[in-house]
Structure formats: structure tokens, C-alpha cells
Amino acid sequence: MRGWSYFFGGFPNEEDIILSLYENLKLQYEFEEKFWYYIAMFIVGTIGGIYYQSMYGGEHASLSSNSQYQKSDDNFKRAKEEVNKRKE
């Protein structure tokens, strides 16, 4: 998102925001309408990316053929098992 703002502007400088928060000052930046478009674009892009990856994503061929990857522990599987144990 920050890269887009270099071309189109309208996104506040992170340094100014952090310094204002750190020093407990009022933010001197007026949020333009473009800023909210960036936020909306970020949210839509995130949801779209999650949807696309969950529907069409799979293991990459190089991973499925890698012996170390095949032997490695699946932390998500272990976490799901732990949740199921706690439910019982």
C-alpha cells in the first residue's frame, strides 16, 4: 500500500504518525479521501487474497517433492489436535 502512495499521494507519513503517537500529540495530518480508498483497497485485497488462496491454492510442486518438507511437523495439524483435546 505504501508503494502505491508514492505514485498517487494521499497517505500520511508513518514517521509523523509514530512521533505524534509517541509524544501524545494530535496528529497534524488531515486524512484525505484517498487515504480511505487505500484502507478499503487493503481490506478488499486481503479478503480477496485469502479467498483465492483458500479456494485455488495448494502446495507448490517444489514443496511436495522436497524430502525435508515432507518429514517436517505440521504445526497447524498439531494445533487443531490440541483444540480438539481441550474440547473433550
PDB file of N, CA and C in Angstrom:
ATOM      1  N   MET A   1       0.824  -1.182   0.000  1.00  0.00           N
ATOM      2  CA  MET A   1       0.000   0.000   0.000  1.00  0.00           C
ATOM      3  C   MET A   1       0.872   1.251   0.000  1.00  0.00           C
ATOM      4  N   ARG A   2       1.963   1.193   0.736  1.00  0.00           N
ATOM      5  CA  ARG A   2       2.830   2.374   0.803  1.00  0.00           C
ATOM      6  C   ARG A   2       3.437   2.688  -0.562  1.00  0.00           C
ATOM      7  N   GLY A   3       3.739   1.660  -1.313  1.00  0.00           N
ATOM      8  CA  GLY A   3       4.278   1.868  -2.655  1.00  0.00           C
ATOM      9  C   GLY A   3       3.297   2.610  -3.550  1.00  0.00           C
ATOM     10  N   TRP A   4       2.028   2.257  -3.466  1.00  0.00           N
ATOM     11  CA  TRP A   4       1.009   2.943  -4.259  1.00  0.00           C
ATOM     12  C   TRP A   4       0.940   4.417  -3.888  1.00  0.00           C
ATOM     13  N   SER A   5       1.137   4.716  -2.611  1.00  0.00           N
ATOM     14  CA  SER A   5       1.014   6.105  -2.169  1.00  0.00           C
ATOM     15  C   SER A   5       2.139   6.978  -2.709  1.00  0.00           C
ATOM     16  N   TYR A   6       3.260   6.393  -3.051  1.00  0.00           N
ATOM     17  CA  TYR A   6       4.329   7.187  -3.666  1.00  0.00           C
ATOM     18  C   TYR A   6       3.895   7.711  -5.024  1.00  0.00           C
ATOM     19  N   PHE A   7       3.079   6.949  -5.720  1.00  0.00           N
ATOM     20  CA  PHE A   7       2.613   7.362  -7.044  1.00  0.00           C
ATOM     21  C   PHE A   7       1.380   8.255  -6.978  1.00  0.00           C
ATOM     22  N   PHE A   8       0.441   7.946  -6.076  1.00  0.00           N
ATOM     23  CA  PHE A   8      -0.836   8.648  -6.052  1.00  0.00           C
ATOM     24  C   PHE A   8      -0.987   9.630  -4.902  1.00  0.00           C
ATOM     25  N   GLY A   9      -0.119   9.577  -3.910  1.00  0.00           N
ATOM     26  CA  GLY A   9      -0.194  10.507  -2.779  1.00  0.00           C
ATOM     27  C   GLY A   9      -1.395  10.234  -1.891  1.00  0.00           C
ATOM     28  N   GLY A  10      -1.596  11.088  -0.886  1.00  0.00           N
ATOM     29  CA  GLY A  10      -2.764  10.999  -0.032  1.00  0.00           C
ATOM     30  C   GLY A  10      -2.640  10.038   1.134  1.00  0.00           C
ATOM     31  N   PHE A  11      -1.433   9.537   1.405  1.00  0.00           N
ATOM     32  CA  PHE A  11      -1.247   8.631   2.534  1.00  0.00           C
ATOM     33  C   PHE A  11      -0.267   9.287   3.490  1.00  0.00           C
ATOM     34  N   PRO A  12      -0.575   9.324   4.787  1.00  0.00           N
ATOM     35  CA  PRO A  12       0.283  10.040   5.738  1.00  0.00           C
ATOM     36  C   PRO A  12       1.655   9.374   5.898  1.00  0.00           C
ATOM     37  N   ASN A  13       2.618  10.177   6.272  1.00  0.00           N
ATOM     38  CA  ASN A  13       3.970   9.701   6.521  1.00  0.00           C
ATOM     39  C   ASN A  13       3.970   8.939   7.849  1.00  0.00           C
ATOM     40  N   GLU A  14       4.491   7.715   7.839  1.00  0.00           N
ATOM     41  CA  GLU A  14       4.493   6.887   9.044  1.00  0.00           C
ATOM     42  C   GLU A  14       5.282   7.518  10.176  1.00  0.00           C
ATOM     43  N   GLU A  15       6.357   8.185   9.837  1.00  0.00           N
ATOM     44  CA  GLU A  15       7.186   8.816  10.864  1.00  0.00           C
ATOM     45  C   GLU A  15       6.390   9.870  11.632  1.00  0.00           C
ATOM     46  N   ASP A  16       5.617  10.672  10.914  1.00  0.00           N
ATOM     47  CA  ASP A  16       4.797  11.689  11.576  1.00  0.00           C
ATOM     48  C   ASP A  16       3.754  11.053  12.493  1.00  0.00           C
ATOM     49  N   ILE A  17       3.141   9.976  12.029  1.00  0.00           N
ATOM     50  CA  ILE A  17       2.124   9.303  12.831  1.00  0.00           C
ATOM     51  C   ILE A  17       2.741   8.727  14.100  1.00  0.00           C
ATOM     52  N   ILE A  18       3.857   8.037  13.959  1.00  0.00           N
ATOM     53  CA  ILE A  18       4.505   7.403  15.113  1.00  0.00           C
ATOM     54  C   ILE A  18       4.978   8.449  16.121  1.00  0.00           C
ATOM     55  N   LEU A  19       5.594   9.525  15.633  1.00  0.00           N
ATOM     56  CA  LEU A  19       6.058  10.575  16.545  1.00  0.00           C
ATOM     57  C   LEU A  19       4.891  11.227  17.274  1.00  0.00           C
ATOM     58  N   SER A  20       3.791  11.459  16.573  1.00  0.00           N
ATOM     59  CA  SER A  20       2.613  12.053  17.211  1.00  0.00           C
ATOM     60  C   SER A  20       2.051  11.134  18.289  1.00  0.00           C
ATOM     61  N   LEU A  21       1.998   9.845  18.001  1.00  0.00           N
ATOM     62  CA  LEU A  21       1.501   8.894  18.991  1.00  0.00           C
ATOM     63  C   LEU A  21       2.456   8.770  20.168  1.00  0.00           C
ATOM     64  N   TYR A  22       3.747   8.741  19.883  1.00  0.00           N
ATOM     65  CA  TYR A  22       4.753   8.593  20.926  1.00  0.00           C
ATOM     66  C   TYR A  22       4.746   9.787  21.874  1.00  0.00           C
ATOM     67  N   GLU A  23       4.590  10.985  21.314  1.00  0.00           N
ATOM     68  CA  GLU A  23       4.611  12.197  22.120  1.00  0.00           C
ATOM     69  C   GLU A  23       3.215  12.607  22.583  1.00  0.00           C
ATOM     70  N   ASN A  24       2.217  11.767  22.300  1.00  0.00           N
ATOM     71  CA  ASN A  24       0.833  12.001  22.710  1.00  0.00           C
ATOM     72  C   ASN A  24       0.311  13.337  22.197  1.00  0.00           C
ATOM     73  N   LEU A  25       0.652  13.636  20.949  1.00  0.00           N
ATOM     74  CA  LEU A  25       0.208  14.872  20.311  1.00  0.00           C
ATOM     75  C   LEU A  25      -0.912  14.575  19.327  1.00  0.00           C
ATOM     76  N   LYS A  26      -1.672  15.609  19.003  1.00  0.00           N
ATOM     77  CA  LYS A  26      -2.709  15.464  17.991  1.00  0.00           C
ATOM     78  C   LYS A  26      -2.013  15.325  16.633  1.00  0.00           C
ATOM     79  N   LEU A  27      -2.504  14.430  15.840  1.00  0.00           N
ATOM     80  CA  LEU A  27      -1.929  14.208  14.518  1.00  0.00           C
ATOM     81  C   LEU A  27      -2.153  15.444  13.659  1.00  0.00           C
ATOM     82  N   GLN A  28      -1.089  15.941  13.067  1.00  0.00           N
ATOM     83  CA  GLN A  28      -1.156  17.162  12.269  1.00  0.00           C
ATOM     84  C   GLN A  28      -1.618  16.896  10.838  1.00  0.00           C
ATOM     85  N   TYR A  29      -1.861  15.662  10.531  1.00  0.00           N
ATOM     86  CA  TYR A  29      -2.205  15.296   9.162  1.00  0.00           C
ATOM     87  C   TYR A  29      -3.714  15.197   9.014  1.00  0.00           C
ATOM     88  N   GLU A  30      -4.233  15.793   7.990  1.00  0.00           N
ATOM     89  CA  GLU A  30      -5.654  15.665   7.666  1.00  0.00           C
ATOM     90  C   GLU A  30      -5.799  14.486   6.717  1.00  0.00           C
ATOM     91  N   PHE A  31      -6.572  13.502   7.123  1.00  0.00           N
ATOM     92  CA  PHE A  31      -6.764  12.327   6.283  1.00  0.00           C
ATOM     93  C   PHE A  31      -7.618  12.696   5.076  1.00  0.00           C
ATOM     94  N   GLU A  32      -7.034  12.547   3.916  1.00  0.00           N
ATOM     95  CA  GLU A  32      -7.749  12.848   2.686  1.00  0.00           C
ATOM     96  C   GLU A  32      -8.651  11.682   2.317  1.00  0.00           C
ATOM     97  N   GLU A  33      -9.510  11.927   1.363  1.00  0.00           N
ATOM     98  CA  GLU A  33     -10.413  10.878   0.891  1.00  0.00           C
ATOM     99  C   GLU A  33      -9.623   9.699   0.320  1.00  0.00           C
ATOM    100  N   LYS A  34      -8.476   9.983  -0.289  1.00  0.00           N
ATOM    101  CA  LYS A  34      -7.644   8.918  -0.861  1.00  0.00           C
ATOM    102  C   LYS A  34      -7.184   7.929   0.206  1.00  0.00           C
ATOM    103  N   PHE A  35      -6.917   8.424   1.400  1.00  0.00           N
ATOM    104  CA  PHE A  35      -6.469   7.557   2.484  1.00  0.00           C
ATOM    105  C   PHE A  35      -7.469   6.445   2.724  1.00  0.00           C
ATOM    106  N   TRP A  36      -8.746   6.779   2.740  1.00  0.00           N
ATOM    107  CA  TRP A  36      -9.784   5.779   3.000  1.00  0.00           C
ATOM    108  C   TRP A  36      -9.921   4.806   1.834  1.00  0.00           C
ATOM    109  N   TYR A  37      -9.602   5.267   0.632  1.00  0.00           N
ATOM    110  CA  TYR A  37      -9.560   4.338  -0.503  1.00  0.00           C
ATOM    111  C   TYR A  37      -8.422   3.332  -0.324  1.00  0.00           C
ATOM    112  N   TYR A  38      -7.292   3.794   0.182  1.00  0.00           N
ATOM    113  CA  TYR A  38      -6.173   2.884   0.460  1.00  0.00           C
ATOM    114  C   TYR A  38      -6.580   1.824   1.485  1.00  0.00           C
ATOM    115  N   ILE A  39      -7.242   2.271   2.540  1.00  0.00           N
ATOM    116  CA  ILE A  39      -7.678   1.334   3.576  1.00  0.00           C
ATOM    117  C   ILE A  39      -8.667   0.325   2.991  1.00  0.00           C
ATOM    118  N   ALA A  40      -9.632   0.798   2.209  1.00  0.00           N
ATOM    119  CA  ALA A  40     -10.598  -0.097   1.576  1.00  0.00           C
ATOM    120  C   ALA A  40      -9.897  -1.067   0.622  1.00  0.00           C
ATOM    121  N   MET A  41      -8.928  -0.560  -0.141  1.00  0.00           N
ATOM    122  CA  MET A  41      -8.182  -1.405  -1.071  1.00  0.00           C
ATOM    123  C   MET A  41      -7.403  -2.476  -0.299  1.00  0.00           C
ATOM    124  N   PHE A  42      -6.839  -2.115   0.831  1.00  0.00           N
ATOM    125  CA  PHE A  42      -6.101  -3.062   1.649  1.00  0.00           C
ATOM    126  C   PHE A  42      -7.025  -4.161   2.170  1.00  0.00           C
ATOM    127  N   ILE A  43      -8.191  -3.777   2.677  1.00  0.00           N
ATOM    128  CA  ILE A  43      -9.134  -4.755   3.221  1.00  0.00           C
ATOM    129  C   ILE A  43      -9.659  -5.673   2.122  1.00  0.00           C
ATOM    130  N   VAL A  44     -10.083  -5.098   1.004  1.00  0.00           N
ATOM    131  CA  VAL A  44     -10.597  -5.909  -0.104  1.00  0.00           C
ATOM    132  C   VAL A  44      -9.503  -6.823  -0.651  1.00  0.00           C
ATOM    133  N   GLY A  45      -8.302  -6.293  -0.778  1.00  0.00           N
ATOM    134  CA  GLY A  45      -7.183  -7.109  -1.266  1.00  0.00           C
ATOM    135  C   GLY A  45      -6.861  -8.260  -0.333  1.00  0.00           C
ATOM    136  N   THR A  46      -6.904  -7.996   0.963  1.00  0.00           N
ATOM    137  CA  THR A  46      -6.630  -9.047   1.947  1.00  0.00           C
ATOM    138  C   THR A  46      -7.691 -10.137   1.887  1.00  0.00           C
ATOM    139  N   ILE A  47      -8.951  -9.739   1.895  1.00  0.00           N
ATOM    140  CA  ILE A  47     -10.034 -10.726   1.836  1.00  0.00           C
ATOM    141  C   ILE A  47      -9.992 -11.487   0.513  1.00  0.00           C
ATOM    142  N   GLY A  48      -9.775 -10.778  -0.572  1.00  0.00           N
ATOM    143  CA  GLY A  48      -9.676 -11.436  -1.878  1.00  0.00           C
ATOM    144  C   GLY A  48      -8.518 -12.412  -1.937  1.00  0.00           C
ATOM    145  N   GLY A  49      -7.387 -12.032  -1.390  1.00  0.00           N
ATOM    146  CA  GLY A  49      -6.214 -12.921  -1.374  1.00  0.00           C
ATOM    147  C   GLY A  49      -6.445 -14.161  -0.531  1.00  0.00           C
ATOM    148  N   ILE A  50      -7.069 -13.990   0.616  1.00  0.00           N
ATOM    149  CA  ILE A  50      -7.373 -15.138   1.478  1.00  0.00           C
ATOM    150  C   ILE A  50      -8.336 -16.084   0.770  1.00  0.00           C
ATOM    151  N   TYR A  51      -9.365 -15.516   0.158  1.00  0.00           N
ATOM    152  CA  TYR A  51     -10.338 -16.341  -0.561  1.00  0.00           C
ATOM    153  C   TYR A  51      -9.668 -17.107  -1.703  1.00  0.00           C
ATOM    154  N   TYR A  52      -8.896 -16.394  -2.503  1.00  0.00           N
ATOM    155  CA  TYR A  52      -8.247 -17.028  -3.656  1.00  0.00           C
ATOM    156  C   TYR A  52      -7.315 -18.159  -3.209  1.00  0.00           C
ATOM    157  N   GLN A  53      -6.509 -17.896  -2.200  1.00  0.00           N
ATOM    158  CA  GLN A  53      -5.567 -18.914  -1.741  1.00  0.00           C
ATOM    159  C   GLN A  53      -6.272 -20.110  -1.126  1.00  0.00           C
ATOM    160  N   SER A  54      -7.381 -19.863  -0.418  1.00  0.00           N
ATOM    161  CA  SER A  54      -8.080 -20.996   0.185  1.00  0.00           C
ATOM    162  C   SER A  54      -8.813 -21.828  -0.859  1.00  0.00           C
ATOM    163  N   MET A  55      -9.270 -21.191  -1.940  1.00  0.00           N
ATOM    164  CA  MET A  55     -10.014 -21.925  -2.962  1.00  0.00           C
ATOM    165  C   MET A  55      -9.101 -22.575  -3.998  1.00  0.00           C
ATOM    166  N   TYR A  56      -8.054 -21.876  -4.400  1.00  0.00           N
ATOM    167  CA  TYR A  56      -7.244 -22.337  -5.520  1.00  0.00           C
ATOM    168  C   TYR A  56      -5.806 -22.663  -5.148  1.00  0.00           C
ATOM    169  N   GLY A  57      -5.433 -22.352  -3.948  1.00  0.00           N
ATOM    170  CA  GLY A  57      -4.051 -22.581  -3.540  1.00  0.00           C
ATOM    171  C   GLY A  57      -3.834 -24.016  -3.122  1.00  0.00           C
ATOM    172  N   GLY A  58      -2.658 -24.453  -3.274  1.00  0.00           N
ATOM    173  CA  GLY A  58      -2.271 -25.782  -2.835  1.00  0.00           C
ATOM    174  C   GLY A  58      -0.779 -25.766  -2.599  1.00  0.00           C
ATOM    175  N   GLU A  59      -0.247 -26.902  -2.297  1.00  0.00           N
ATOM    176  CA  GLU A  59       1.193 -26.961  -2.107  1.00  0.00           C
ATOM    177  C   GLU A  59       1.890 -26.755  -3.440  1.00  0.00           C
ATOM    178  N   HIS A  60       2.924 -25.989  -3.396  1.00  0.00           N
ATOM    179  CA  HIS A  60       3.731 -25.780  -4.592  1.00  0.00           C
ATOM    180  C   HIS A  60       4.457 -27.078  -4.925  1.00  0.00           C
ATOM    181  N   ALA A  61       4.663 -27.335  -6.197  1.00  0.00           N
ATOM    182  CA  ALA A  61       5.293 -28.584  -6.624  1.00  0.00           C
ATOM    183  C   ALA A  61       6.667 -28.780  -5.994  1.00  0.00           C
ATOM    184  N   SER A  62       7.416 -27.694  -5.831  1.00  0.00           N
ATOM    185  CA  SER A  62       8.750 -27.833  -5.242  1.00  0.00           C
ATOM    186  C   SER A  62       8.669 -28.240  -3.775  1.00  0.00           C
ATOM    187  N   LEU A  63       7.595 -27.861  -3.085  1.00  0.00           N
ATOM    188  CA  LEU A  63       7.441 -28.271  -1.692  1.00  0.00           C
ATOM    189  C   LEU A  63       7.053 -29.739  -1.591  1.00  0.00           C
ATOM    190  N   SER A  64       6.113 -30.148  -2.418  1.00  0.00           N
ATOM    191  CA  SER A  64       5.648 -31.528  -2.318  1.00  0.00           C
ATOM    192  C   SER A  64       6.721 -32.532  -2.714  1.00  0.00           C
ATOM    193  N   SER A  65       7.723 -32.093  -3.471  1.00  0.00           N
ATOM    194  CA  SER A  65       8.797 -33.009  -3.847  1.00  0.00           C
ATOM    195  C   SER A  65      10.023 -32.889  -2.936  1.00  0.00           C
ATOM    196  N   ASN A  66       9.983 -31.968  -1.967  1.00  0.00           N
ATOM    197  CA  ASN A  66      11.107 -31.754  -1.060  1.00  0.00           C
ATOM    198  C   ASN A  66      11.009 -32.731   0.106  1.00  0.00           C
ATOM    199  N   SER A  67      12.052 -33.539   0.301  1.00  0.00           N
ATOM    200  CA  SER A  67      12.006 -34.566   1.347  1.00  0.00           C
ATOM    201  C   SER A  67      11.968 -33.962   2.755  1.00  0.00           C
ATOM    202  N   GLN A  68      12.685 -32.868   2.992  1.00  0.00           N
ATOM    203  CA  GLN A  68      12.670 -32.250   4.323  1.00  0.00           C
ATOM    204  C   GLN A  68      11.287 -31.681   4.636  1.00  0.00           C
ATOM    205  N   TYR A  69      10.637 -31.130   3.641  1.00  0.00           N
ATOM    206  CA  TYR A  69       9.299 -30.597   3.848  1.00  0.00           C
ATOM    207  C   TYR A  69       8.330 -31.727   4.181  1.00  0.00           C
ATOM    208  N   GLN A  70       8.459 -32.837   3.513  1.00  0.00           N
ATOM    209  CA  GLN A  70       7.578 -33.978   3.754  1.00  0.00           C
ATOM    210  C   GLN A  70       7.755 -34.535   5.171  1.00  0.00           C
ATOM    211  N   LYS A  71       8.984 -34.477   5.687  1.00  0.00           N
ATOM    212  CA  LYS A  71       9.270 -35.009   7.027  1.00  0.00           C
ATOM    213  C   LYS A  71       8.908 -34.026   8.144  1.00  0.00           C
ATOM    214  N   SER A  72       8.765 -32.744   7.810  1.00  0.00           N
ATOM    215  CA  SER A  72       8.571 -31.731   8.849  1.00  0.00           C
ATOM    216  C   SER A  72       7.211 -31.868   9.512  1.00  0.00           C
ATOM    217  N   ASP A  73       7.159 -31.388  10.752  1.00  0.00           N
ATOM    218  CA  ASP A  73       5.948 -31.449  11.543  1.00  0.00           C
ATOM    219  C   ASP A  73       4.962 -30.386  11.051  1.00  0.00           C
ATOM    220  N   ASP A  74       3.696 -30.746  10.981  1.00  0.00           N
ATOM    221  CA  ASP A  74       2.659 -29.811  10.587  1.00  0.00           C
ATOM    222  C   ASP A  74       2.109 -29.136  11.843  1.00  0.00           C
ATOM    223  N   ASN A  75       2.530 -27.904  12.096  1.00  0.00           N
ATOM    224  CA  ASN A  75       2.121 -27.202  13.316  1.00  0.00           C
ATOM    225  C   ASN A  75       0.631 -26.915  13.345  1.00  0.00           C
ATOM    226  N   PHE A  76       0.015 -26.703  12.191  1.00  0.00           N
ATOM    227  CA  PHE A  76      -1.417 -26.441  12.170  1.00  0.00           C
ATOM    228  C   PHE A  76      -2.195 -27.687  12.556  1.00  0.00           C
ATOM    229  N   LYS A  77      -1.734 -28.821  12.089  1.00  0.00           N
ATOM    230  CA  LYS A  77      -2.385 -30.085  12.442  1.00  0.00           C
ATOM    231  C   LYS A  77      -2.283 -30.309  13.953  1.00  0.00           C
ATOM    232  N   ARG A  78      -1.112 -30.042  14.502  1.00  0.00           N
ATOM    233  CA  ARG A  78      -0.907 -30.198  15.937  1.00  0.00           C
ATOM    234  C   ARG A  78      -1.797 -29.231  16.716  1.00  0.00           C
ATOM    235  N   ALA A  79      -1.939 -28.005  16.234  1.00  0.00           N
ATOM    236  CA  ALA A  79      -2.784 -27.021  16.918  1.00  0.00           C
ATOM    237  C   ALA A  79      -4.247 -27.449  16.890  1.00  0.00           C
ATOM    238  N   LYS A  80      -4.705 -27.970  15.752  1.00  0.00           N
ATOM    239  CA  LYS A  80      -6.088 -28.450  15.658  1.00  0.00           C
ATOM    240  C   LYS A  80      -6.320 -29.610  16.617  1.00  0.00           C
ATOM    241  N   GLU A  81      -5.358 -30.502  16.717  1.00  0.00           N
ATOM    242  CA  GLU A  81      -5.484 -31.641  17.633  1.00  0.00           C
ATOM    243  C   GLU A  81      -5.556 -31.155  19.077  1.00  0.00           C
ATOM    244  N   GLU A  82      -4.758 -30.153  19.409  1.00  0.00           N
ATOM    245  CA  GLU A  82      -4.766 -29.597  20.763  1.00  0.00           C
ATOM    246  C   GLU A  82      -6.113 -28.966  21.078  1.00  0.00           C
ATOM    247  N   VAL A  83      -6.682 -28.240  20.117  1.00  0.00           N
ATOM    248  CA  VAL A  83      -8.002 -27.630  20.324  1.00  0.00           C
ATOM    249  C   VAL A  83      -9.043 -28.711  20.527  1.00  0.00           C
ATOM    250  N   ASN A  84      -8.989 -29.765  19.736  1.00  0.00           N
ATOM    251  CA  ASN A  84      -9.958 -30.866  19.881  1.00  0.00           C
ATOM    252  C   ASN A  84      -9.827 -31.555  21.228  1.00  0.00           C
ATOM    253  N   LYS A  85      -8.596 -31.706  21.735  1.00  0.00           N
ATOM    254  CA  LYS A  85      -8.374 -32.318  23.050  1.00  0.00           C
ATOM    255  C   LYS A  85      -9.009 -31.460  24.143  1.00  0.00           C
ATOM    256  N   ARG A  86      -8.859 -30.131  24.022  1.00  0.00           N
ATOM    257  CA  ARG A  86      -9.402 -29.225  25.034  1.00  0.00           C
ATOM    258  C   ARG A  86     -10.922 -29.230  25.021  1.00  0.00           C
ATOM    259  N   LYS A  87     -11.526 -29.459  23.848  1.00  0.00           N
ATOM    260  CA  LYS A  87     -12.971 -29.503  23.761  1.00  0.00           C
ATOM    261  C   LYS A  87     -13.549 -30.730  24.447  1.00  0.00           C
ATOM    262  N   GLU A  88     -12.776 -31.798  24.483  1.00  0.00           N
ATOM    263  CA  GLU A  88     -13.248 -33.063  25.079  1.00  0.00           C
ATOM    264  C   GLU A  88     -13.213 -33.019  26.547  1.00  0.00           C
TER     265      GLU A  88
END
